[in-house]
Amino acid sequence: MENRYEALIDKSIELGARDARLIDTGRIVFDPRSHLKCRFGCNRWGRFWTCPPHLSISQEMFMEAFQKYEKAIVLKTTDPKVGQEVAVAIEKEAMLSHDCQFAFAMALCVQCEECAYPDPCLFPHLARPAMDAYGVDIGKTLDPLGFKVEFDKEGKLLPAWYSMVLLD
């Protein structure tokens, strides 16, 4: 692992991530079907500030910006709120202490049980779009990193939430 990012990986674990892995952004898989599932398979569509169609950055604008990122840290947590908080904390740490001026977290926003939309966001300092909102194929991106579905002793699926911090 590159020394530049090792401290961010360690900090992620310290803040509550169950696992954190560095990935080249060229290995992040995009599939337009992810956006379709977002649109037609999620009850958050149009009801949350951080979900389409309320993202003020189009898919094309996002992809143009994405091309400028070289690395990303993928975070695994057992709780989506912890995932969001760790991702945003690592984004800020990368910006302030690791010369990653344009670090950007992508995490499902779960701060409010029901989003304040259309009223102003109650947590704009934490609100970020989820990876699939911009077409990331989460399964194909995570599989090469060794992230696997896990079960407890009784065979019950263990919760796993993934978020990502893009690094320049």
C-alpha atoms as a PDB file:
ATOM      1  CA  MET A   1       0.000   0.000   0.000  1.00  0.00           C
ATOM      2  CA  GLU A   2       1.206   3.457  -0.759  1.00  0.00           C
ATOM      3  CA  ASN A   3       2.501   5.205   2.369  1.00  0.00           C
ATOM      4  CA  ARG A   4       0.567   8.330   1.427  1.00  0.00           C
ATOM      5  CA  TYR A   5      -2.719   6.514   2.056  1.00  0.00           C
ATOM      6  CA  GLU A   6      -1.743   4.057   4.797  1.00  0.00           C
ATOM      7  CA  ALA A   7      -2.591   6.538   7.560  1.00  0.00           C
ATOM      8  CA  LEU A   8      -6.053   7.092   6.030  1.00  0.00           C
ATOM      9  CA  ILE A   9      -6.709   3.342   6.003  1.00  0.00           C
ATOM     10  CA  ASP A  10      -5.624   3.098   9.662  1.00  0.00           C
ATOM     11  CA  LYS A  11      -7.745   6.123  10.602  1.00  0.00           C
ATOM     12  CA  SER A  12     -10.774   4.553   8.886  1.00  0.00           C
ATOM     13  CA  ILE A  13     -10.489   1.471  11.089  1.00  0.00           C
ATOM     14  CA  GLU A  14      -9.918   3.632  14.171  1.00  0.00           C
ATOM     15  CA  LEU A  15     -13.110   5.587  13.399  1.00  0.00           C
ATOM     16  CA  GLY A  16     -15.256   2.466  13.079  1.00  0.00           C
ATOM     17  CA  ALA A  17     -14.821   0.907   9.648  1.00  0.00           C
ATOM     18  CA  ARG A  18     -14.689  -2.868   9.815  1.00  0.00           C
ATOM     19  CA  ASP A  19     -12.353  -2.895   6.825  1.00  0.00           C
ATOM     20  CA  ALA A  20     -10.848  -0.364   4.428  1.00  0.00           C
ATOM     21  CA  ARG A  21      -9.046  -1.003   1.152  1.00  0.00           C
ATOM     22  CA  LEU A  22      -7.215   1.183  -1.329  1.00  0.00           C
ATOM     23  CA  ILE A  23      -8.175   0.836  -4.991  1.00  0.00           C
ATOM     24  CA  ASP A  24      -7.043   2.461  -8.228  1.00  0.00           C
ATOM     25  CA  THR A  25     -10.008   4.367  -9.632  1.00  0.00           C
ATOM     26  CA  GLY A  26      -9.466   2.579 -12.942  1.00  0.00           C
ATOM     27  CA  ARG A  27     -10.704  -0.572 -11.187  1.00  0.00           C
ATOM     28  CA  ILE A  28     -14.016   1.002 -10.162  1.00  0.00           C
ATOM     29  CA  VAL A  29     -16.704  -0.522 -12.356  1.00  0.00           C
ATOM     30  CA  PHE A  30     -19.553   1.600 -13.706  1.00  0.00           C
ATOM     31  CA  ASP A  31     -22.715   0.148 -15.146  1.00  0.00           C
ATOM     32  CA  PRO A  32     -25.680   2.316 -16.242  1.00  0.00           C
ATOM     33  CA  ARG A  33     -27.998  -0.399 -14.925  1.00  0.00           C
ATOM     34  CA  SER A  34     -26.982   0.654 -11.394  1.00  0.00           C
ATOM     35  CA  HIS A  35     -28.621   4.017 -12.040  1.00  0.00           C
ATOM     36  CA  LEU A  36     -31.708   2.240 -13.412  1.00  0.00           C
ATOM     37  CA  LYS A  37     -31.964   0.178 -10.219  1.00  0.00           C
ATOM     38  CA  CYS A  38     -31.658   3.406  -8.281  1.00  0.00           C
ATOM     39  CA  ARG A  39     -34.509   4.924 -10.302  1.00  0.00           C
ATOM     40  CA  PHE A  40     -36.851   1.961 -10.434  1.00  0.00           C
ATOM     41  CA  GLY A  41     -35.832  -0.159  -7.459  1.00  0.00           C
ATOM     42  CA  CYS A  42     -35.371   2.257  -4.572  1.00  0.00           C
ATOM     43  CA  ASN A  43     -38.012   4.115  -2.602  1.00  0.00           C
ATOM     44  CA  ARG A  44     -35.561   6.971  -1.956  1.00  0.00           C
ATOM     45  CA  TRP A  45     -35.687   8.249  -5.570  1.00  0.00           C
ATOM     46  CA  GLY A  46     -36.929  11.842  -5.612  1.00  0.00           C
ATOM     47  CA  ARG A  47     -37.483  11.908  -1.850  1.00  0.00           C
ATOM     48  CA  PHE A  48     -33.949  12.630  -0.568  1.00  0.00           C
ATOM     49  CA  TRP A  49     -31.544  15.494  -1.279  1.00  0.00           C
ATOM     50  CA  THR A  50     -28.690  13.051  -1.876  1.00  0.00           C
ATOM     51  CA  CYS A  51     -30.565  10.846  -4.337  1.00  0.00           C
ATOM     52  CA  PRO A  52     -31.397  11.385  -7.991  1.00  0.00           C
ATOM     53  CA  PRO A  53     -32.942  13.415  -9.502  1.00  0.00           C
ATOM     54  CA  HIS A  54     -31.983  16.005  -6.840  1.00  0.00           C
ATOM     55  CA  LEU A  55     -28.252  15.639  -7.386  1.00  0.00           C
ATOM     56  CA  SER A  56     -27.294  18.876  -9.059  1.00  0.00           C
ATOM     57  CA  ILE A  57     -24.327  17.234 -10.762  1.00  0.00           C
ATOM     58  CA  SER A  58     -25.313  15.213 -13.822  1.00  0.00           C
ATOM     59  CA  GLN A  59     -23.934  11.747 -14.532  1.00  0.00           C
ATOM     60  CA  GLU A  60     -21.762  13.272 -17.269  1.00  0.00           C
ATOM     61  CA  MET A  61     -20.394  16.011 -14.991  1.00  0.00           C
ATOM     62  CA  PHE A  62     -19.639  13.435 -12.307  1.00  0.00           C
ATOM     63  CA  MET A  63     -17.768  11.194 -14.771  1.00  0.00           C
ATOM     64  CA  GLU A  64     -15.725  14.163 -16.001  1.00  0.00           C
ATOM     65  CA  ALA A  65     -14.682  14.935 -12.413  1.00  0.00           C
ATOM     66  CA  PHE A  66     -14.181  11.235 -11.597  1.00  0.00           C
ATOM     67  CA  GLN A  67     -11.523  10.945 -14.322  1.00  0.00           C
ATOM     68  CA  LYS A  68      -9.289  13.256 -12.275  1.00  0.00           C
ATOM     69  CA  TYR A  69      -9.195  10.906  -9.268  1.00  0.00           C
ATOM     70  CA  GLU A  70      -6.423   8.318  -9.042  1.00  0.00           C
ATOM     71  CA  LYS A  71      -7.237   6.332  -5.911  1.00  0.00           C
ATOM     72  CA  ALA A  72     -10.153   5.570  -3.649  1.00  0.00           C
ATOM     73  CA  ILE A  73     -10.585   4.029  -0.237  1.00  0.00           C
ATOM     74  CA  VAL A  74     -13.490   1.618  -0.009  1.00  0.00           C
ATOM     75  CA  LEU A  75     -14.921   1.365   3.493  1.00  0.00           C
ATOM     76  CA  LYS A  76     -16.923  -1.496   4.960  1.00  0.00           C
ATOM     77  CA  THR A  77     -19.047  -0.936   8.058  1.00  0.00           C
ATOM     78  CA  THR A  78     -21.819  -2.853   9.775  1.00  0.00           C
ATOM     79  CA  ASP A  79     -23.964   0.261  10.169  1.00  0.00           C
ATOM     80  CA  PRO A  80     -24.823   2.741   7.402  1.00  0.00           C
ATOM     81  CA  LYS A  81     -24.684   5.763   9.722  1.00  0.00           C
ATOM     82  CA  VAL A  82     -21.175   4.817  10.861  1.00  0.00           C
ATOM     83  CA  GLY A  83     -20.220   4.322   7.205  1.00  0.00           C
ATOM     84  CA  GLN A  84     -21.401   7.790   6.302  1.00  0.00           C
ATOM     85  CA  GLU A  85     -19.668   9.400   9.261  1.00  0.00           C
ATOM     86  CA  VAL A  86     -16.373   7.560   8.665  1.00  0.00           C
ATOM     87  CA  ALA A  87     -16.408   8.378   4.938  1.00  0.00           C
ATOM     88  CA  VAL A  88     -16.939  12.092   5.553  1.00  0.00           C
ATOM     89  CA  ALA A  89     -14.305  12.139   8.324  1.00  0.00           C
ATOM     90  CA  ILE A  90     -11.776  10.452   6.013  1.00  0.00           C
ATOM     91  CA  GLU A  91     -12.656  12.913   3.235  1.00  0.00           C
ATOM     92  CA  LYS A  92     -11.838  15.788   5.586  1.00  0.00           C
ATOM     93  CA  GLU A  93      -8.685  14.109   6.937  1.00  0.00           C
ATOM     94  CA  ALA A  94      -7.457  13.523   3.371  1.00  0.00           C
ATOM     95  CA  MET A  95      -8.079  17.168   2.505  1.00  0.00           C
ATOM     96  CA  LEU A  96      -6.520  18.687   5.606  1.00  0.00           C
ATOM     97  CA  SER A  97      -3.600  16.363   6.314  1.00  0.00           C
ATOM     98  CA  HIS A  98      -2.792  14.375   3.176  1.00  0.00           C
ATOM     99  CA  ASP A  99      -2.746  16.922   0.350  1.00  0.00           C
ATOM    100  CA  CYS A 100      -5.904  15.530  -1.273  1.00  0.00           C
ATOM    101  CA  GLN A 101      -7.609  18.863  -1.825  1.00  0.00           C
ATOM    102  CA  PHE A 102     -10.499  17.382  -3.799  1.00  0.00           C
ATOM    103  CA  ALA A 103     -11.167  14.235  -1.716  1.00  0.00           C
ATOM    104  CA  PHE A 104     -14.825  13.303  -2.047  1.00  0.00           C
ATOM    105  CA  ALA A 105     -16.880  10.843   0.001  1.00  0.00           C
ATOM    106  CA  MET A 106     -19.664   8.769  -1.505  1.00  0.00           C
ATOM    107  CA  ALA A 107     -21.975   7.248   1.101  1.00  0.00           C
ATOM    108  CA  LEU A 108     -25.667   6.580   1.463  1.00  0.00           C
ATOM    109  CA  CYS A 109     -27.079   9.439   3.539  1.00  0.00           C
ATOM    110  CA  VAL A 110     -28.974   8.050   6.526  1.00  0.00           C
ATOM    111  CA  GLN A 111     -28.882  10.960   8.968  1.00  0.00           C
ATOM    112  CA  CYS A 112     -32.648  11.484   8.832  1.00  0.00           C
ATOM    113  CA  GLU A 113     -35.223   8.725   8.892  1.00  0.00           C
ATOM    114  CA  GLU A 114     -37.214  10.884   6.509  1.00  0.00           C
ATOM    115  CA  CYS A 115     -35.294  13.478   4.517  1.00  0.00           C
ATOM    116  CA  ALA A 116     -36.217  17.130   5.031  1.00  0.00           C
ATOM    117  CA  TYR A 117     -36.631  17.480   1.247  1.00  0.00           C
ATOM    118  CA  PRO A 118     -37.926  19.856  -0.131  1.00  0.00           C
ATOM    119  CA  ASP A 119     -36.937  21.915   2.928  1.00  0.00           C
ATOM    120  CA  PRO A 120     -33.196  22.575   3.330  1.00  0.00           C
ATOM    121  CA  CYS A 121     -30.995  19.645   4.306  1.00  0.00           C
ATOM    122  CA  LEU A 122     -30.553  19.335   8.072  1.00  0.00           C
ATOM    123  CA  PHE A 123     -27.050  17.823   7.754  1.00  0.00           C
ATOM    124  CA  PRO A 124     -25.393  19.405   4.695  1.00  0.00           C
ATOM    125  CA  HIS A 125     -21.952  18.839   6.237  1.00  0.00           C
ATOM    126  CA  LEU A 126     -22.566  15.062   6.078  1.00  0.00           C
ATOM    127  CA  ALA A 127     -24.751  14.715   2.985  1.00  0.00           C
ATOM    128  CA  ARG A 128     -23.063  12.948   0.065  1.00  0.00           C
ATOM    129  CA  PRO A 129     -24.437  10.825  -2.805  1.00  0.00           C
ATOM    130  CA  ALA A 130     -24.301   7.045  -2.664  1.00  0.00           C
ATOM    131  CA  MET A 131     -22.023   5.203  -5.087  1.00  0.00           C
ATOM    132  CA  ASP A 132     -24.866   3.643  -7.058  1.00  0.00           C
ATOM    133  CA  ALA A 133     -26.501   7.057  -7.600  1.00  0.00           C
ATOM    134  CA  TYR A 134     -23.714   7.708 -10.114  1.00  0.00           C
ATOM    135  CA  GLY A 135     -23.673   4.221 -11.603  1.00  0.00           C
ATOM    136  CA  VAL A 136     -20.985   2.385  -9.613  1.00  0.00           C
ATOM    137  CA  ASP A 137     -21.481  -1.378  -9.856  1.00  0.00           C
ATOM    138  CA  ILE A 138     -20.770  -2.060  -6.202  1.00  0.00           C
ATOM    139  CA  GLY A 139     -20.555  -5.851  -6.506  1.00  0.00           C
ATOM    140  CA  LYS A 140     -18.094  -5.870  -9.407  1.00  0.00           C
ATOM    141  CA  THR A 141     -16.019  -3.144  -7.786  1.00  0.00           C
ATOM    142  CA  LEU A 142     -15.810  -4.869  -4.390  1.00  0.00           C
ATOM    143  CA  ASP A 143     -15.308  -8.471  -5.459  1.00  0.00           C
ATOM    144  CA  PRO A 144     -11.650  -8.082  -6.600  1.00  0.00           C
ATOM    145  CA  LEU A 145     -10.891  -6.361  -3.281  1.00  0.00           C
ATOM    146  CA  GLY A 146     -11.829  -9.529  -1.420  1.00  0.00           C
ATOM    147  CA  PHE A 147     -14.959  -8.164   0.206  1.00  0.00           C
ATOM    148  CA  LYS A 148     -17.289 -11.118   0.614  1.00  0.00           C
ATOM    149  CA  VAL A 149     -20.764 -11.732   1.935  1.00  0.00           C
ATOM    150  CA  GLU A 150     -20.436 -12.936   5.529  1.00  0.00           C
ATOM    151  CA  PHE A 151     -22.712 -15.031   7.744  1.00  0.00           C
ATOM    152  CA  ASP A 152     -22.865 -15.570  11.510  1.00  0.00           C
ATOM    153  CA  LYS A 153     -22.673 -19.005  13.209  1.00  0.00           C
ATOM    154  CA  GLU A 154     -26.399 -19.576  12.625  1.00  0.00           C
ATOM    155  CA  GLY A 155     -26.120 -18.776   8.924  1.00  0.00           C
ATOM    156  CA  LYS A 156     -27.704 -15.340   9.203  1.00  0.00           C
ATOM    157  CA  LEU A 157     -26.395 -12.682   6.809  1.00  0.00           C
ATOM    158  CA  LEU A 158     -24.195 -10.138   8.581  1.00  0.00           C
ATOM    159  CA  PRO A 159     -24.864  -6.495   7.736  1.00  0.00           C
ATOM    160  CA  ALA A 160     -22.356  -4.779   5.503  1.00  0.00           C
ATOM    161  CA  TRP A 161     -22.489  -1.208   4.205  1.00  0.00           C
ATOM    162  CA  TYR A 162     -19.982   0.171   1.748  1.00  0.00           C
ATOM    163  CA  SER A 163     -18.891   3.719   1.100  1.00  0.00           C
ATOM    164  CA  MET A 164     -15.965   5.225  -0.764  1.00  0.00           C
ATOM    165  CA  VAL A 165     -13.666   8.210  -0.588  1.00  0.00           C
ATOM    166  CA  LEU A 166     -12.214   9.367  -3.907  1.00  0.00           C
ATOM    167  CA  LEU A 167      -8.668  10.706  -3.616  1.00  0.00           C
ATOM    168  CA  ASP A 168      -6.707  12.995  -5.921  1.00  0.00           C
END
